[in-house]
Amino acid sequence: MSPQSKLRLPAYGGQAVIEGVMMRGRRFVAMAVRAPDQSIVTFEEALPNIYQSKWMNVPILRGVLSLWDSLGLGMSYLTKSANIQTGEDEKLEGGSLVMTLALSVVLALGIFFLLPALTAGWVDGWLHLGTWWSNLLEGLLRLIILVVYLAVIGRMPEIKRTFAYHGAEHKTINAFEANVDLTPEEVAKQSLAHPRCGTSFILTLVIISVLFFSLLGPLPLHWRLISRILLLPVVAGISYEYIRWAASAMDTSAFVRALIKPNLWLQKLTTREPSADIIEVAIAAFQHMYAQENASQPSSTE
């Protein structure tokens, strides 16, 4: 497949869930999970209307909307996959979903954004580093916390297996975009890395935040912390646009391929080589999503 034809393909994505993979298209989402009896359980449904709204064509804003909705979607499907493993029917929706999502966001903000900002602000107060160096220190602290967190949880057996499903998700999408047969043998040959991965987005967010927050100039500590929260959606939207651009330009630009190498390297912390049975689950999720996409609009791959 030529780079030109590859660029016209839909930007399919997904995520690993508990013993399974969720695949998201333009209009439908599908999940496949390996049940305790070793059968593959599948589930598919139409995506919320936000994915087809005019707001999803507005640069930066579409990144913010997509990120927020994806968080909720991911949390919901993690619960569905857990229910398949336990045999329970716990539902995470409505108020409980909003509360769980809000608590997760608050915890992530505190650890990955406010803690580095607070620490760098204190150090700047002592050493008078200046705006640029203070923001660089904040970004480095944020990156260190992220890498250490991923490295530590990646040693847990349950997370290692989830990371293998993450690798299978990448390999399956890479196989589709390379126009090869979606068989376990062919999918296994594909790369573990993908430029649109959420891990790449997080690293991009860290780097862009250093540049963006440096433009604000010196701030009192309390305004520094407030600005990180209020302006995070803007930084996230810019990061989303960068990831989209890099993914579309990397096939024709050696410069872009070099530029995104750190993003691809970081994915080594969140992916593992999947076994054939794990790849089989990822393929099932993709094929169910793809079948729904084509059934609703046959021209979706043009």
C-alpha atoms as a PDB file:
ATOM      1  CA  MET A   1       0.000   0.000   0.000  1.00  0.00           C
ATOM      2  CA  SER A   2       1.369   3.397  -0.964  1.00  0.00           C
ATOM      3  CA  PRO A   3       1.728   6.200   1.592  1.00  0.00           C
ATOM      4  CA  GLN A   4      -0.955   8.117  -0.285  1.00  0.00           C
ATOM      5  CA  SER A   5      -3.537   5.353  -0.017  1.00  0.00           C
ATOM      6  CA  LYS A   6      -2.599   4.702   3.604  1.00  0.00           C
ATOM      7  CA  LEU A   7      -3.339   8.301   4.506  1.00  0.00           C
ATOM      8  CA  ARG A   8      -6.932   7.909   3.300  1.00  0.00           C
ATOM      9  CA  LEU A   9      -7.643   5.091   5.719  1.00  0.00           C
ATOM     10  CA  PRO A  10      -9.816   5.831   8.755  1.00  0.00           C
ATOM     11  CA  ALA A  11      -7.811   6.556  11.888  1.00  0.00           C
ATOM     12  CA  TYR A  12      -8.925   3.523  13.854  1.00  0.00           C
ATOM     13  CA  GLY A  13      -7.776   3.211  17.443  1.00  0.00           C
ATOM     14  CA  GLY A  14      -8.405   1.283  20.593  1.00  0.00           C
ATOM     15  CA  GLN A  15      -7.145   0.249  23.980  1.00  0.00           C
ATOM     16  CA  ALA A  16      -6.455  -2.810  26.050  1.00  0.00           C
ATOM     17  CA  VAL A  17      -9.049  -3.877  28.591  1.00  0.00           C
ATOM     18  CA  ILE A  18      -9.026  -6.744  31.085  1.00  0.00           C
ATOM     19  CA  GLU A  19      -8.225  -9.884  29.063  1.00  0.00           C
ATOM     20  CA  GLY A  20      -9.289  -8.138  25.894  1.00  0.00           C
ATOM     21  CA  VAL A  21      -9.170  -5.268  23.440  1.00  0.00           C
ATOM     22  CA  MET A  22     -11.548  -2.450  22.576  1.00  0.00           C
ATOM     23  CA  MET A  23     -11.458  -1.109  19.006  1.00  0.00           C
ATOM     24  CA  ARG A  24     -12.987   2.242  18.064  1.00  0.00           C
ATOM     25  CA  GLY A  25     -14.014   3.347  14.602  1.00  0.00           C
ATOM     26  CA  ARG A  26     -15.765   6.469  13.332  1.00  0.00           C
ATOM     27  CA  ARG A  27     -19.266   5.365  14.276  1.00  0.00           C
ATOM     28  CA  PHE A  28     -18.923   2.095  16.194  1.00  0.00           C
ATOM     29  CA  VAL A  29     -16.900   0.580  18.999  1.00  0.00           C
ATOM     30  CA  ALA A  30     -16.344  -3.132  19.557  1.00  0.00           C
ATOM     31  CA  MET A  31     -14.735  -5.183  22.293  1.00  0.00           C
ATOM     32  CA  ALA A  32     -13.499  -8.763  22.369  1.00  0.00           C
ATOM     33  CA  VAL A  33     -12.580 -10.455  25.649  1.00  0.00           C
ATOM     34  CA  ARG A  34     -11.149 -13.869  26.454  1.00  0.00           C
ATOM     35  CA  ALA A  35     -13.635 -15.336  28.936  1.00  0.00           C
ATOM     36  CA  PRO A  36     -12.619 -17.670  31.782  1.00  0.00           C
ATOM     37  CA  ASP A  37     -13.826 -20.662  29.693  1.00  0.00           C
ATOM     38  CA  GLN A  38     -11.363 -19.509  26.950  1.00  0.00           C
ATOM     39  CA  SER A  39     -14.120 -18.512  24.519  1.00  0.00           C
ATOM     40  CA  ILE A  40     -14.015 -15.040  22.950  1.00  0.00           C
ATOM     41  CA  VAL A  41     -16.905 -12.821  23.997  1.00  0.00           C
ATOM     42  CA  THR A  42     -17.647  -9.849  21.734  1.00  0.00           C
ATOM     43  CA  PHE A  43     -19.695  -6.721  22.159  1.00  0.00           C
ATOM     44  CA  GLU A  44     -20.310  -3.792  19.826  1.00  0.00           C
ATOM     45  CA  GLU A  45     -22.363  -0.612  19.884  1.00  0.00           C
ATOM     46  CA  ALA A  46     -22.729   2.731  18.144  1.00  0.00           C
ATOM     47  CA  LEU A  47     -20.531   5.556  19.377  1.00  0.00           C
ATOM     48  CA  PRO A  48     -22.037   8.664  21.004  1.00  0.00           C
ATOM     49  CA  ASN A  49     -23.207  11.391  18.637  1.00  0.00           C
ATOM     50  CA  ILE A  50     -20.262  13.589  19.593  1.00  0.00           C
ATOM     51  CA  TYR A  51     -18.050  11.569  17.249  1.00  0.00           C
ATOM     52  CA  GLN A  52     -20.169  12.640  14.270  1.00  0.00           C
ATOM     53  CA  SER A  53     -20.808  16.219  15.383  1.00  0.00           C
ATOM     54  CA  LYS A  54     -19.457  19.329  13.649  1.00  0.00           C
ATOM     55  CA  TRP A  55     -17.359  20.073  16.727  1.00  0.00           C
ATOM     56  CA  MET A  56     -15.122  17.129  15.898  1.00  0.00           C
ATOM     57  CA  ASN A  57     -13.922  19.076  12.859  1.00  0.00           C
ATOM     58  CA  VAL A  58     -12.699  22.028  14.936  1.00  0.00           C
ATOM     59  CA  PRO A  59      -8.924  21.784  15.562  1.00  0.00           C
ATOM     60  CA  ILE A  60      -7.840  21.642  19.229  1.00  0.00           C
ATOM     61  CA  LEU A  61     -11.470  21.474  20.423  1.00  0.00           C
ATOM     62  CA  ARG A  62     -11.894  18.058  18.818  1.00  0.00           C
ATOM     63  CA  GLY A  63      -8.894  16.832  20.782  1.00  0.00           C
ATOM     64  CA  VAL A  64     -10.389  17.968  24.081  1.00  0.00           C
ATOM     65  CA  LEU A  65     -13.802  16.450  23.297  1.00  0.00           C
ATOM     66  CA  SER A  66     -12.313  13.213  22.017  1.00  0.00           C
ATOM     67  CA  LEU A  67     -10.031  12.831  25.023  1.00  0.00           C
ATOM     68  CA  TRP A  68     -12.800  13.405  27.559  1.00  0.00           C
ATOM     69  CA  ASP A  69     -15.242  11.069  25.834  1.00  0.00           C
ATOM     70  CA  SER A  70     -12.547   8.434  25.348  1.00  0.00           C
ATOM     71  CA  LEU A  71     -11.814   8.480  29.071  1.00  0.00           C
ATOM     72  CA  GLY A  72     -15.444   7.750  29.833  1.00  0.00           C
ATOM     73  CA  LEU A  73     -15.674   5.146  27.074  1.00  0.00           C
ATOM     74  CA  GLY A  74     -12.496   3.443  28.244  1.00  0.00           C
ATOM     75  CA  MET A  75     -13.653   3.349  31.856  1.00  0.00           C
ATOM     76  CA  SER A  76     -17.003   1.878  30.833  1.00  0.00           C
ATOM     77  CA  TYR A  77     -15.409  -0.879  28.731  1.00  0.00           C
ATOM     78  CA  LEU A  78     -12.883  -1.713  31.431  1.00  0.00           C
ATOM     79  CA  THR A  79     -15.864  -2.370  33.694  1.00  0.00           C
ATOM     80  CA  LYS A  80     -17.565  -4.509  31.026  1.00  0.00           C
ATOM     81  CA  SER A  81     -14.419  -6.585  30.564  1.00  0.00           C
ATOM     82  CA  ALA A  82     -14.036  -7.035  34.328  1.00  0.00           C
ATOM     83  CA  ASN A  83     -17.656  -8.210  34.553  1.00  0.00           C
ATOM     84  CA  ILE A  84     -16.965 -10.933  31.984  1.00  0.00           C
ATOM     85  CA  GLN A  85     -14.087 -12.230  34.094  1.00  0.00           C
ATOM     86  CA  THR A  86     -16.003 -12.195  37.386  1.00  0.00           C
ATOM     87  CA  GLY A  87     -19.440 -13.146  36.111  1.00  0.00           C
ATOM     88  CA  GLU A  88     -20.938 -10.161  37.890  1.00  0.00           C
ATOM     89  CA  ASP A  89     -23.129  -7.505  36.296  1.00  0.00           C
ATOM     90  CA  GLU A  90     -21.827  -4.322  37.871  1.00  0.00           C
ATOM     91  CA  LYS A  91     -22.615  -1.296  35.735  1.00  0.00           C
ATOM     92  CA  LEU A  92     -20.568   1.862  35.599  1.00  0.00           C
ATOM     93  CA  GLU A  93     -22.792   4.493  34.050  1.00  0.00           C
ATOM     94  CA  GLY A  94     -24.607   7.717  34.851  1.00  0.00           C
ATOM     95  CA  GLY A  95     -23.590   9.301  38.133  1.00  0.00           C
ATOM     96  CA  SER A  96     -21.253   6.465  39.152  1.00  0.00           C
ATOM     97  CA  LEU A  97     -19.354   6.750  35.870  1.00  0.00           C
ATOM     98  CA  VAL A  98     -19.030  10.519  36.208  1.00  0.00           C
ATOM     99  CA  MET A  99     -17.837  10.206  39.808  1.00  0.00           C
ATOM    100  CA  THR A 100     -15.293   7.492  39.009  1.00  0.00           C
ATOM    101  CA  LEU A 101     -14.027   9.418  36.013  1.00  0.00           C
ATOM    102  CA  ALA A 102     -13.801  12.660  37.986  1.00  0.00           C
ATOM    103  CA  LEU A 103     -11.845  10.994  40.792  1.00  0.00           C
ATOM    104  CA  SER A 104      -9.464   9.424  38.268  1.00  0.00           C
ATOM    105  CA  VAL A 105      -8.876  12.770  36.581  1.00  0.00           C
ATOM    106  CA  VAL A 106      -8.312  14.545  39.901  1.00  0.00           C
ATOM    107  CA  LEU A 107      -5.797  11.904  40.985  1.00  0.00           C
ATOM    108  CA  ALA A 108      -3.955  12.094  37.649  1.00  0.00           C
ATOM    109  CA  LEU A 109      -3.897  15.898  37.778  1.00  0.00           C
ATOM    110  CA  GLY A 110      -2.512  15.852  41.292  1.00  0.00           C
ATOM    111  CA  ILE A 111       0.264  13.343  40.611  1.00  0.00           C
ATOM    112  CA  PHE A 112       1.310  14.206  37.064  1.00  0.00           C
ATOM    113  CA  PHE A 113       0.634  17.946  36.885  1.00  0.00           C
ATOM    114  CA  LEU A 114       0.252  19.689  40.220  1.00  0.00           C
ATOM    115  CA  LEU A 115       3.021  17.803  42.053  1.00  0.00           C
ATOM    116  CA  PRO A 116       5.713  18.623  39.435  1.00  0.00           C
ATOM    117  CA  ALA A 117       4.456  22.236  39.197  1.00  0.00           C
ATOM    118  CA  LEU A 118       4.504  22.613  42.985  1.00  0.00           C
ATOM    119  CA  THR A 119       7.977  21.094  43.302  1.00  0.00           C
ATOM    120  CA  ALA A 120       9.445  23.176  40.471  1.00  0.00           C
ATOM    121  CA  GLY A 121       7.804  26.294  41.918  1.00  0.00           C
ATOM    122  CA  TRP A 122       9.425  25.705  45.302  1.00  0.00           C
ATOM    123  CA  VAL A 123      12.838  25.091  43.724  1.00  0.00           C
ATOM    124  CA  ASP A 124      12.470  28.219  41.602  1.00  0.00           C
ATOM    125  CA  GLY A 125      11.653  30.214  44.735  1.00  0.00           C
ATOM    126  CA  TRP A 126      14.888  29.050  46.344  1.00  0.00           C
ATOM    127  CA  LEU A 127      17.252  29.163  43.381  1.00  0.00           C
ATOM    128  CA  HIS A 128      15.584  31.771  41.118  1.00  0.00           C
ATOM    129  CA  LEU A 129      15.932  29.581  38.048  1.00  0.00           C
ATOM    130  CA  GLY A 130      13.936  31.806  35.728  1.00  0.00           C
ATOM    131  CA  THR A 131      10.806  30.996  33.735  1.00  0.00           C
ATOM    132  CA  TRP A 132      12.336  28.734  31.097  1.00  0.00           C
ATOM    133  CA  TRP A 133      14.496  26.614  33.410  1.00  0.00           C
ATOM    134  CA  SER A 134      11.735  26.361  35.984  1.00  0.00           C
ATOM    135  CA  ASN A 135       9.302  25.058  33.371  1.00  0.00           C
ATOM    136  CA  LEU A 136      11.942  22.707  32.018  1.00  0.00           C
ATOM    137  CA  LEU A 137      12.458  21.306  35.510  1.00  0.00           C
ATOM    138  CA  GLU A 138       8.702  20.891  35.879  1.00  0.00           C
ATOM    139  CA  GLY A 139       8.528  19.023  32.590  1.00  0.00           C
ATOM    140  CA  LEU A 140      11.443  16.764  33.515  1.00  0.00           C
ATOM    141  CA  LEU A 141       9.846  15.951  36.867  1.00  0.00           C
ATOM    142  CA  ARG A 142       6.574  15.167  35.111  1.00  0.00           C
ATOM    143  CA  LEU A 143       8.383  12.886  32.660  1.00  0.00           C
ATOM    144  CA  ILE A 144      10.325  11.127  35.426  1.00  0.00           C
ATOM    145  CA  ILE A 145       7.136  10.475  37.404  1.00  0.00           C
ATOM    146  CA  LEU A 146       5.466   9.094  34.264  1.00  0.00           C
ATOM    147  CA  VAL A 147       8.356   6.800  33.308  1.00  0.00           C
ATOM    148  CA  VAL A 148       8.828   5.509  36.847  1.00  0.00           C
ATOM    149  CA  TYR A 149       5.080   4.890  37.203  1.00  0.00           C
ATOM    150  CA  LEU A 150       4.906   2.941  33.930  1.00  0.00           C
ATOM    151  CA  ALA A 151       8.069   0.979  34.723  1.00  0.00           C
ATOM    152  CA  VAL A 152       6.806   0.003  38.180  1.00  0.00           C
ATOM    153  CA  ILE A 153       3.281  -1.070  37.205  1.00  0.00           C
ATOM    154  CA  GLY A 154       4.690  -2.828  34.138  1.00  0.00           C
ATOM    155  CA  ARG A 155       6.356  -5.351  36.465  1.00  0.00           C
ATOM    156  CA  MET A 156       2.996  -6.517  37.831  1.00  0.00           C
ATOM    157  CA  PRO A 157       1.873  -9.813  36.180  1.00  0.00           C
ATOM    158  CA  GLU A 158      -1.683  -8.574  35.558  1.00  0.00           C
ATOM    159  CA  ILE A 159      -0.448  -5.352  33.980  1.00  0.00           C
ATOM    160  CA  LYS A 160       2.121  -7.210  31.866  1.00  0.00           C
ATOM    161  CA  ARG A 161      -0.727  -9.210  30.371  1.00  0.00           C
ATOM    162  CA  THR A 162      -2.769  -6.061  29.773  1.00  0.00           C
ATOM    163  CA  PHE A 163       0.263  -4.512  28.066  1.00  0.00           C
ATOM    164  CA  ALA A 164       0.420  -7.609  25.828  1.00  0.00           C
ATOM    165  CA  TYR A 165      -3.161  -6.918  24.768  1.00  0.00           C
ATOM    166  CA  HIS A 166      -2.083  -3.315  24.130  1.00  0.00           C
ATOM    167  CA  GLY A 167       0.663  -4.649  21.871  1.00  0.00           C
ATOM    168  CA  ALA A 168      -1.842  -6.858  20.064  1.00  0.00           C
ATOM    169  CA  GLU A 169      -4.086  -3.843  19.490  1.00  0.00           C
ATOM    170  CA  HIS A 170      -1.187  -1.953  17.883  1.00  0.00           C
ATOM    171  CA  LYS A 171      -0.135  -4.909  15.756  1.00  0.00           C
ATOM    172  CA  THR A 172      -3.673  -5.456  14.482  1.00  0.00           C
ATOM    173  CA  ILE A 173      -4.145  -1.822  13.455  1.00  0.00           C
ATOM    174  CA  ASN A 174      -0.673  -1.787  11.881  1.00  0.00           C
ATOM    175  CA  ALA A 175      -1.588  -4.915   9.903  1.00  0.00           C
ATOM    176  CA  PHE A 176      -4.803  -3.307   8.660  1.00  0.00           C
ATOM    177  CA  GLU A 177      -2.969  -0.132   7.647  1.00  0.00           C
ATOM    178  CA  ALA A 178      -0.288  -2.223   5.897  1.00  0.00           C
ATOM    179  CA  ASN A 179      -3.035  -4.058   3.960  1.00  0.00           C
ATOM    180  CA  VAL A 180      -1.986  -7.542   5.098  1.00  0.00           C
ATOM    181  CA  ASP A 181      -4.236 -10.425   6.090  1.00  0.00           C
ATOM    182  CA  LEU A 182      -5.602 -10.206   9.613  1.00  0.00           C
ATOM    183  CA  THR A 183      -4.391 -13.601  10.740  1.00  0.00           C
ATOM    184  CA  PRO A 184      -2.451 -14.254  13.958  1.00  0.00           C
ATOM    185  CA  GLU A 185       0.608 -15.185  11.898  1.00  0.00           C
ATOM    186  CA  GLU A 186       0.620 -11.987   9.815  1.00  0.00           C
ATOM    187  CA  VAL A 187      -0.411  -9.677  12.661  1.00  0.00           C
ATOM    188  CA  ALA A 188       2.401 -11.060  14.847  1.00  0.00           C
ATOM    189  CA  LYS A 189       4.949  -9.760  12.311  1.00  0.00           C
ATOM    190  CA  GLN A 190       3.830  -6.143  12.750  1.00  0.00           C
ATOM    191  CA  SER A 191       5.406  -3.487  14.952  1.00  0.00           C
ATOM    192  CA  LEU A 192       4.418  -3.050  18.593  1.00  0.00           C
ATOM    193  CA  ALA A 193       4.535   0.743  18.161  1.00  0.00           C
ATOM    194  CA  HIS A 194       1.949   3.040  16.623  1.00  0.00           C
ATOM    195  CA  PRO A 195       2.214   6.836  16.269  1.00  0.00           C
ATOM    196  CA  ARG A 196      -1.365   7.507  17.443  1.00  0.00           C
ATOM    197  CA  CYS A 197      -0.923   5.606  20.704  1.00  0.00           C
ATOM    198  CA  GLY A 198      -2.085   7.238  23.925  1.00  0.00           C
ATOM    199  CA  THR A 199       1.406   6.770  25.343  1.00  0.00           C
ATOM    200  CA  SER A 200       2.743   8.956  22.529  1.00  0.00           C
ATOM    201  CA  PHE A 201       0.078  11.516  23.319  1.00  0.00           C
ATOM    202  CA  ILE A 202       1.152  11.691  26.969  1.00  0.00           C
ATOM    203  CA  LEU A 203       4.821  12.264  26.093  1.00  0.00           C
ATOM    204  CA  THR A 204       3.812  14.929  23.566  1.00  0.00           C
ATOM    205  CA  LEU A 205       1.646  16.561  26.230  1.00  0.00           C
ATOM    206  CA  VAL A 206       4.629  16.741  28.600  1.00  0.00           C
ATOM    207  CA  ILE A 207       6.923  18.318  25.991  1.00  0.00           C
ATOM    208  CA  ILE A 208       4.377  20.821  24.694  1.00  0.00           C
ATOM    209  CA  SER A 209       3.454  21.807  28.243  1.00  0.00           C
ATOM    210  CA  VAL A 210       7.056  22.982  28.829  1.00  0.00           C
ATOM    211  CA  LEU A 211       6.925  25.232  25.769  1.00  0.00           C
ATOM    212  CA  PHE A 212       3.373  26.436  26.357  1.00  0.00           C
ATOM    213  CA  PHE A 213       3.665  27.243  30.048  1.00  0.00           C
ATOM    214  CA  SER A 214       6.975  29.027  29.477  1.00  0.00           C
ATOM    215  CA  LEU A 215       5.067  31.589  27.423  1.00  0.00           C
ATOM    216  CA  LEU A 216       3.098  32.591  30.520  1.00  0.00           C
ATOM    217  CA  GLY A 217       6.181  34.109  32.110  1.00  0.00           C
ATOM    218  CA  PRO A 218       6.910  34.102  35.865  1.00  0.00           C
ATOM    219  CA  LEU A 219       3.859  33.404  38.039  1.00  0.00           C
ATOM    220  CA  PRO A 220       3.212  33.263  41.791  1.00  0.00           C
ATOM    221  CA  LEU A 221       3.007  29.663  42.963  1.00  0.00           C
ATOM    222  CA  HIS A 222      -0.778  29.641  43.367  1.00  0.00           C
ATOM    223  CA  TRP A 223      -1.320  31.026  39.855  1.00  0.00           C
ATOM    224  CA  ARG A 224       1.194  28.534  38.514  1.00  0.00           C
ATOM    225  CA  LEU A 225      -0.888  25.671  39.902  1.00  0.00           C
ATOM    226  CA  ILE A 226      -4.188  27.169  38.737  1.00  0.00           C
ATOM    227  CA  SER A 227      -2.835  27.771  35.228  1.00  0.00           C
ATOM    228  CA  ARG A 228      -1.838  24.089  34.904  1.00  0.00           C
ATOM    229  CA  ILE A 229      -5.414  23.037  35.515  1.00  0.00           C
ATOM    230  CA  LEU A 230      -7.215  25.725  33.514  1.00  0.00           C
ATOM    231  CA  LEU A 231      -4.933  25.493  30.484  1.00  0.00           C
ATOM    232  CA  LEU A 232      -4.544  21.715  30.414  1.00  0.00           C
ATOM    233  CA  PRO A 233      -7.407  21.314  27.878  1.00  0.00           C
ATOM    234  CA  VAL A 234      -5.626  23.734  25.530  1.00  0.00           C
ATOM    235  CA  VAL A 235      -2.319  21.882  25.847  1.00  0.00           C
ATOM    236  CA  ALA A 236      -4.135  18.563  25.370  1.00  0.00           C
ATOM    237  CA  GLY A 237      -5.846  19.880  22.242  1.00  0.00           C
ATOM    238  CA  ILE A 238      -2.543  21.071  20.769  1.00  0.00           C
ATOM    239  CA  SER A 239      -0.934  17.714  21.589  1.00  0.00           C
ATOM    240  CA  TYR A 240      -3.794  15.892  19.877  1.00  0.00           C
ATOM    241  CA  GLU A 241      -3.307  17.927  16.702  1.00  0.00           C
ATOM    242  CA  TYR A 242       0.427  17.234  16.757  1.00  0.00           C
ATOM    243  CA  ILE A 243      -0.152  13.486  17.054  1.00  0.00           C
ATOM    244  CA  ARG A 244      -2.603  13.568  14.128  1.00  0.00           C
ATOM    245  CA  TRP A 245      -0.154  15.536  12.012  1.00  0.00           C
ATOM    246  CA  ALA A 246       2.829  13.337  12.865  1.00  0.00           C
ATOM    247  CA  ALA A 247       0.920  10.131  12.134  1.00  0.00           C
ATOM    248  CA  SER A 248      -0.116  11.427   8.689  1.00  0.00           C
ATOM    249  CA  ALA A 249       3.301  12.876   7.789  1.00  0.00           C
ATOM    250  CA  MET A 250       5.694  10.197   9.016  1.00  0.00           C
ATOM    251  CA  ASP A 251       5.432   8.046   5.866  1.00  0.00           C
ATOM    252  CA  THR A 252       6.679  10.848   3.630  1.00  0.00           C
ATOM    253  CA  SER A 253       9.064  12.711   5.939  1.00  0.00           C
ATOM    254  CA  ALA A 254      12.289  11.391   7.448  1.00  0.00           C
ATOM    255  CA  PHE A 255      12.325  14.448   9.714  1.00  0.00           C
ATOM    256  CA  VAL A 256       8.950  13.554  11.220  1.00  0.00           C
ATOM    257  CA  ARG A 257      10.011   9.920  11.668  1.00  0.00           C
ATOM    258  CA  ALA A 258      13.035  11.128  13.628  1.00  0.00           C
ATOM    259  CA  LEU A 259      10.881  13.572  15.575  1.00  0.00           C
ATOM    260  CA  ILE A 260       8.506  10.898  16.866  1.00  0.00           C
ATOM    261  CA  LYS A 261      11.147   8.330  17.807  1.00  0.00           C
ATOM    262  CA  PRO A 262      10.928   9.241  21.538  1.00  0.00           C
ATOM    263  CA  ASN A 263       7.150   8.695  21.362  1.00  0.00           C
ATOM    264  CA  LEU A 264       7.632   5.251  19.867  1.00  0.00           C
ATOM    265  CA  TRP A 265      10.379   4.413  22.361  1.00  0.00           C
ATOM    266  CA  LEU A 266       8.134   5.215  25.342  1.00  0.00           C
ATOM    267  CA  GLN A 267       5.596   2.709  24.057  1.00  0.00           C
ATOM    268  CA  LYS A 268       8.071  -0.033  24.964  1.00  0.00           C
ATOM    269  CA  LEU A 269       6.990   0.568  28.546  1.00  0.00           C
ATOM    270  CA  THR A 270       3.289   0.045  27.799  1.00  0.00           C
ATOM    271  CA  THR A 271       3.377  -2.821  25.288  1.00  0.00           C
ATOM    272  CA  ARG A 272       4.561  -6.433  25.397  1.00  0.00           C
ATOM    273  CA  GLU A 273       4.865  -9.042  22.664  1.00  0.00           C
ATOM    274  CA  PRO A 274       1.480 -10.806  22.565  1.00  0.00           C
ATOM    275  CA  SER A 275       0.942 -14.534  22.199  1.00  0.00           C
ATOM    276  CA  ALA A 276      -1.169 -15.947  19.372  1.00  0.00           C
ATOM    277  CA  ASP A 277      -4.253 -16.317  21.575  1.00  0.00           C
ATOM    278  CA  ILE A 278      -4.018 -12.652  22.617  1.00  0.00           C
ATOM    279  CA  ILE A 279      -3.626 -11.551  18.998  1.00  0.00           C
ATOM    280  CA  GLU A 280      -6.697 -13.617  18.132  1.00  0.00           C
ATOM    281  CA  VAL A 281      -8.752 -11.541  20.585  1.00  0.00           C
ATOM    282  CA  ALA A 282      -7.482  -8.242  19.126  1.00  0.00           C
ATOM    283  CA  ILE A 283      -8.340  -9.405  15.602  1.00  0.00           C
ATOM    284  CA  ALA A 284     -11.846 -10.377  16.719  1.00  0.00           C
ATOM    285  CA  ALA A 285     -12.390  -6.926  18.234  1.00  0.00           C
ATOM    286  CA  PHE A 286     -11.178  -5.179  15.091  1.00  0.00           C
ATOM    287  CA  GLN A 287     -13.216  -7.344  12.729  1.00  0.00           C
ATOM    288  CA  HIS A 288     -16.420  -6.778  14.704  1.00  0.00           C
ATOM    289  CA  MET A 289     -15.857  -3.025  14.712  1.00  0.00           C
ATOM    290  CA  TYR A 290     -14.930  -3.012  11.014  1.00  0.00           C
ATOM    291  CA  ALA A 291     -17.989  -5.059  10.050  1.00  0.00           C
ATOM    292  CA  GLN A 292     -20.279  -2.589  11.818  1.00  0.00           C
ATOM    293  CA  GLU A 293     -18.529   0.363  10.169  1.00  0.00           C
ATOM    294  CA  ASN A 294     -18.946  -1.129   6.698  1.00  0.00           C
ATOM    295  CA  ALA A 295     -22.523  -2.209   7.288  1.00  0.00           C
ATOM    296  CA  SER A 296     -23.527   1.310   8.291  1.00  0.00           C
ATOM    297  CA  GLN A 297     -21.613   3.065   5.510  1.00  0.00           C
ATOM    298  CA  PRO A 298     -19.822   0.968   2.889  1.00  0.00           C
ATOM    299  CA  SER A 299     -17.753   3.966   1.679  1.00  0.00           C
ATOM    300  CA  SER A 300     -16.105   4.474   5.097  1.00  0.00           C
ATOM    301  CA  THR A 301     -12.732   3.085   3.930  1.00  0.00           C
ATOM    302  CA  GLU A 302     -12.471   5.261   0.826  1.00  0.00           C
END
